[in-house]
N, C-alpha and C. Protein backbone atom coordinates (compact mmCIF):
# COMPACT_ATOMS: atom_id res chain seq x y z
N UNK A 1 30.30 -45.94 -77.31
CA UNK A 1 29.72 -45.73 -78.61
C UNK A 1 28.31 -46.32 -78.67
N UNK A 2 28.17 -47.52 -78.18
CA UNK A 2 26.86 -48.17 -78.23
C UNK A 2 25.84 -47.36 -77.44
N UNK A 3 26.27 -46.84 -76.29
CA UNK A 3 25.38 -46.03 -75.46
C UNK A 3 24.94 -44.76 -76.19
N UNK A 4 25.85 -44.15 -76.96
CA UNK A 4 25.51 -42.94 -77.70
C UNK A 4 24.44 -43.23 -78.74
N UNK A 5 24.54 -44.38 -79.41
CA UNK A 5 23.54 -44.74 -80.41
C UNK A 5 22.18 -45.00 -79.75
N UNK A 6 22.21 -45.61 -78.58
CA UNK A 6 20.96 -45.88 -77.88
C UNK A 6 20.33 -44.58 -77.42
N UNK A 7 21.14 -43.69 -76.85
CA UNK A 7 20.62 -42.43 -76.33
C UNK A 7 20.19 -41.46 -77.43
N UNK A 8 20.66 -41.65 -78.66
CA UNK A 8 20.33 -40.72 -79.74
C UNK A 8 18.84 -40.72 -80.05
N UNK A 9 18.15 -41.84 -79.88
CA UNK A 9 16.74 -41.92 -80.21
C UNK A 9 15.81 -41.54 -79.08
N UNK A 10 16.34 -41.08 -77.95
CA UNK A 10 15.51 -40.76 -76.79
C UNK A 10 15.33 -39.27 -76.62
N UNK A 11 14.23 -38.88 -75.99
CA UNK A 11 14.06 -37.46 -75.68
C UNK A 11 14.89 -37.13 -74.43
N UNK A 12 14.90 -35.86 -74.05
CA UNK A 12 15.80 -35.42 -72.98
C UNK A 12 15.50 -36.07 -71.63
N UNK A 13 14.23 -36.22 -71.27
CA UNK A 13 13.91 -36.81 -69.96
C UNK A 13 14.30 -38.29 -69.93
N UNK A 14 14.10 -38.99 -71.04
CA UNK A 14 14.51 -40.39 -71.08
C UNK A 14 16.03 -40.53 -71.04
N UNK A 15 16.74 -39.60 -71.68
CA UNK A 15 18.21 -39.63 -71.64
C UNK A 15 18.68 -39.45 -70.20
N UNK A 16 18.05 -38.49 -69.49
CA UNK A 16 18.43 -38.26 -68.11
C UNK A 16 18.21 -39.52 -67.28
N UNK A 17 17.05 -40.16 -67.46
CA UNK A 17 16.73 -41.36 -66.70
C UNK A 17 17.72 -42.49 -67.02
N UNK A 18 18.03 -42.69 -68.29
CA UNK A 18 18.96 -43.76 -68.67
C UNK A 18 20.36 -43.50 -68.11
N UNK A 19 20.81 -42.25 -68.17
CA UNK A 19 22.12 -41.92 -67.61
C UNK A 19 22.13 -42.14 -66.10
N UNK A 20 21.06 -41.72 -65.43
CA UNK A 20 20.98 -41.90 -63.97
C UNK A 20 20.96 -43.38 -63.61
N UNK A 21 20.16 -44.18 -64.31
CA UNK A 21 20.08 -45.60 -64.04
C UNK A 21 21.43 -46.26 -64.27
N UNK A 22 22.12 -45.85 -65.31
CA UNK A 22 23.43 -46.43 -65.61
C UNK A 22 24.43 -46.12 -64.49
N UNK A 23 24.40 -44.88 -63.99
CA UNK A 23 25.31 -44.53 -62.90
C UNK A 23 24.99 -45.28 -61.62
N UNK A 24 23.71 -45.46 -61.32
CA UNK A 24 23.31 -46.18 -60.11
C UNK A 24 23.72 -47.64 -60.19
N UNK A 25 23.53 -48.24 -61.35
CA UNK A 25 23.85 -49.66 -61.50
C UNK A 25 25.36 -49.92 -61.49
N UNK A 26 26.16 -48.94 -61.85
CA UNK A 26 27.61 -49.12 -61.85
C UNK A 26 28.21 -48.99 -60.45
N UNK A 27 27.46 -48.39 -59.50
CA UNK A 27 27.97 -48.22 -58.13
C UNK A 27 28.14 -49.57 -57.45
N UNK A 28 29.15 -49.69 -56.60
CA UNK A 28 29.27 -50.93 -55.83
C UNK A 28 28.18 -51.02 -54.77
N UNK A 29 27.94 -52.21 -54.29
CA UNK A 29 26.94 -52.40 -53.24
C UNK A 29 27.36 -51.66 -51.98
N UNK A 30 26.41 -51.19 -51.20
CA UNK A 30 26.78 -50.56 -49.94
C UNK A 30 27.54 -51.54 -49.04
N UNK A 31 28.30 -50.99 -48.12
CA UNK A 31 29.11 -51.86 -47.27
C UNK A 31 28.30 -52.87 -46.50
N UNK A 32 27.14 -52.48 -45.98
CA UNK A 32 26.37 -53.39 -45.15
C UNK A 32 25.62 -54.45 -45.95
N UNK A 33 25.54 -54.30 -47.28
CA UNK A 33 24.81 -55.28 -48.08
C UNK A 33 25.69 -56.48 -48.43
N UNK A 34 26.99 -56.32 -48.33
CA UNK A 34 27.88 -57.39 -48.76
C UNK A 34 27.98 -58.55 -47.80
N UNK A 35 28.10 -58.31 -46.51
CA UNK A 35 28.34 -59.37 -45.56
C UNK A 35 27.46 -59.19 -44.33
N UNK A 36 26.41 -60.01 -44.18
CA UNK A 36 25.54 -59.85 -43.02
C UNK A 36 26.24 -60.14 -41.70
N UNK A 37 27.27 -60.95 -41.72
CA UNK A 37 27.98 -61.25 -40.47
C UNK A 37 28.76 -60.05 -39.96
N UNK A 38 29.09 -59.12 -40.85
CA UNK A 38 29.80 -57.91 -40.42
C UNK A 38 28.87 -56.98 -39.65
N UNK A 39 27.61 -57.13 -39.83
CA UNK A 39 26.63 -56.29 -39.14
C UNK A 39 25.77 -57.16 -38.23
N UNK A 40 26.40 -57.85 -37.32
CA UNK A 40 25.69 -58.83 -36.47
C UNK A 40 24.56 -58.20 -35.67
N UNK A 41 24.82 -57.06 -35.08
CA UNK A 41 23.80 -56.44 -34.23
C UNK A 41 22.58 -56.05 -35.05
N UNK A 42 22.81 -55.43 -36.20
CA UNK A 42 21.70 -55.02 -37.06
C UNK A 42 20.91 -56.24 -37.54
N UNK A 43 21.61 -57.30 -37.91
CA UNK A 43 20.96 -58.52 -38.37
C UNK A 43 20.14 -59.15 -37.26
N UNK A 44 20.71 -59.24 -36.06
CA UNK A 44 19.99 -59.84 -34.95
C UNK A 44 18.77 -59.01 -34.55
N UNK A 45 18.92 -57.69 -34.53
CA UNK A 45 17.78 -56.84 -34.19
C UNK A 45 16.67 -56.94 -35.24
N UNK A 46 17.05 -57.05 -36.50
CA UNK A 46 16.05 -57.21 -37.55
C UNK A 46 15.31 -58.53 -37.40
N UNK A 47 16.05 -59.61 -37.15
CA UNK A 47 15.41 -60.92 -36.97
C UNK A 47 14.52 -60.92 -35.73
N UNK A 48 14.98 -60.27 -34.66
CA UNK A 48 14.17 -60.17 -33.45
C UNK A 48 12.89 -59.40 -33.72
N UNK A 49 12.99 -58.30 -34.45
CA UNK A 49 11.82 -57.50 -34.79
C UNK A 49 10.81 -58.27 -35.62
N UNK A 50 11.28 -59.05 -36.57
CA UNK A 50 10.38 -59.85 -37.40
C UNK A 50 9.70 -60.91 -36.54
N UNK A 51 10.46 -61.59 -35.71
CA UNK A 51 9.88 -62.62 -34.83
C UNK A 51 8.87 -62.00 -33.87
N UNK A 52 9.21 -60.85 -33.30
CA UNK A 52 8.32 -60.16 -32.36
C UNK A 52 7.00 -59.78 -33.06
N UNK A 53 7.09 -59.30 -34.27
CA UNK A 53 5.89 -58.95 -35.02
C UNK A 53 5.01 -60.15 -35.32
N UNK A 54 5.62 -61.26 -35.71
CA UNK A 54 4.85 -62.48 -36.00
C UNK A 54 4.17 -62.98 -34.74
N UNK A 55 4.90 -63.00 -33.64
CA UNK A 55 4.32 -63.46 -32.37
C UNK A 55 3.19 -62.53 -31.93
N UNK A 56 3.39 -61.22 -32.05
CA UNK A 56 2.36 -60.26 -31.64
C UNK A 56 1.07 -60.44 -32.44
N UNK A 57 1.20 -60.59 -33.73
CA UNK A 57 0.01 -60.77 -34.58
C UNK A 57 -0.68 -62.08 -34.25
N UNK A 58 0.09 -63.15 -34.02
CA UNK A 58 -0.49 -64.44 -33.67
C UNK A 58 -1.27 -64.34 -32.36
N UNK A 59 -0.69 -63.68 -31.36
CA UNK A 59 -1.36 -63.54 -30.06
C UNK A 59 -2.63 -62.69 -30.21
N UNK A 60 -2.57 -61.62 -30.98
CA UNK A 60 -3.76 -60.79 -31.15
C UNK A 60 -4.89 -61.53 -31.86
N UNK A 61 -4.55 -62.30 -32.89
CA UNK A 61 -5.57 -63.07 -33.60
C UNK A 61 -6.16 -64.13 -32.68
N UNK A 62 -5.31 -64.81 -31.91
CA UNK A 62 -5.80 -65.84 -30.98
C UNK A 62 -6.69 -65.22 -29.91
N UNK A 63 -6.31 -64.05 -29.39
CA UNK A 63 -7.14 -63.38 -28.38
C UNK A 63 -8.48 -62.97 -28.98
N UNK A 64 -8.47 -62.49 -30.20
CA UNK A 64 -9.72 -62.11 -30.86
C UNK A 64 -10.63 -63.31 -31.08
N UNK A 65 -10.04 -64.43 -31.49
CA UNK A 65 -10.84 -65.65 -31.68
C UNK A 65 -11.42 -66.12 -30.35
N UNK A 66 -10.60 -66.10 -29.31
CA UNK A 66 -11.07 -66.53 -27.99
C UNK A 66 -12.16 -65.62 -27.46
N UNK A 67 -12.00 -64.33 -27.67
CA UNK A 67 -13.02 -63.38 -27.23
C UNK A 67 -14.33 -63.61 -27.98
N UNK A 68 -14.22 -63.84 -29.27
CA UNK A 68 -15.42 -64.11 -30.06
C UNK A 68 -16.12 -65.38 -29.62
N UNK A 69 -15.35 -66.43 -29.35
CA UNK A 69 -15.94 -67.69 -28.86
C UNK A 69 -16.61 -67.48 -27.50
N UNK A 70 -15.96 -66.72 -26.64
CA UNK A 70 -16.52 -66.46 -25.32
C UNK A 70 -17.83 -65.69 -25.39
N UNK A 71 -17.89 -64.71 -26.26
CA UNK A 71 -19.12 -63.93 -26.41
C UNK A 71 -20.24 -64.81 -26.96
N UNK A 72 -19.90 -65.69 -27.90
CA UNK A 72 -20.92 -66.60 -28.44
C UNK A 72 -21.44 -67.55 -27.36
N UNK A 73 -20.58 -68.05 -26.50
CA UNK A 73 -21.01 -68.94 -25.42
C UNK A 73 -21.91 -68.22 -24.42
N UNK A 74 -21.58 -66.97 -24.13
CA UNK A 74 -22.39 -66.19 -23.19
C UNK A 74 -23.77 -65.91 -23.80
N UNK A 75 -23.81 -65.58 -25.07
CA UNK A 75 -25.06 -65.19 -25.71
C UNK A 75 -25.89 -66.38 -26.20
N UNK A 76 -25.33 -67.58 -26.20
CA UNK A 76 -26.05 -68.73 -26.71
C UNK A 76 -27.38 -68.98 -25.98
N UNK A 77 -27.43 -68.88 -24.64
CA UNK A 77 -28.73 -69.09 -23.97
C UNK A 77 -29.75 -68.00 -24.29
N UNK A 78 -29.30 -66.84 -24.72
CA UNK A 78 -30.22 -65.74 -24.99
C UNK A 78 -30.88 -65.86 -26.37
N UNK A 79 -30.26 -66.60 -27.26
CA UNK A 79 -30.76 -66.72 -28.62
C UNK A 79 -31.73 -67.88 -28.71
N UNK A 80 -32.92 -67.60 -29.21
CA UNK A 80 -33.92 -68.66 -29.40
C UNK A 80 -33.94 -69.05 -30.87
N UNK A 81 -33.85 -70.32 -31.11
CA UNK A 81 -33.88 -70.77 -32.49
C UNK A 81 -35.14 -71.52 -32.80
């Protein structure tokens, strides 16, 4: 009853959206969202991927900094101040 009163003041597109949102929110969580230990392989691969990405970015930034420092050292004798 309460839902009918709420939906009475809405236009058709808003009614559709509210009904859809209500149905989505009433659904149970997917199976894999409930227990991460049940999906050990997926969890481990995800953690490995995140760690690999962090390490890769760190190495690339460090290599870029080192390359920049090296270029500055090489060019330092060429620059007259």
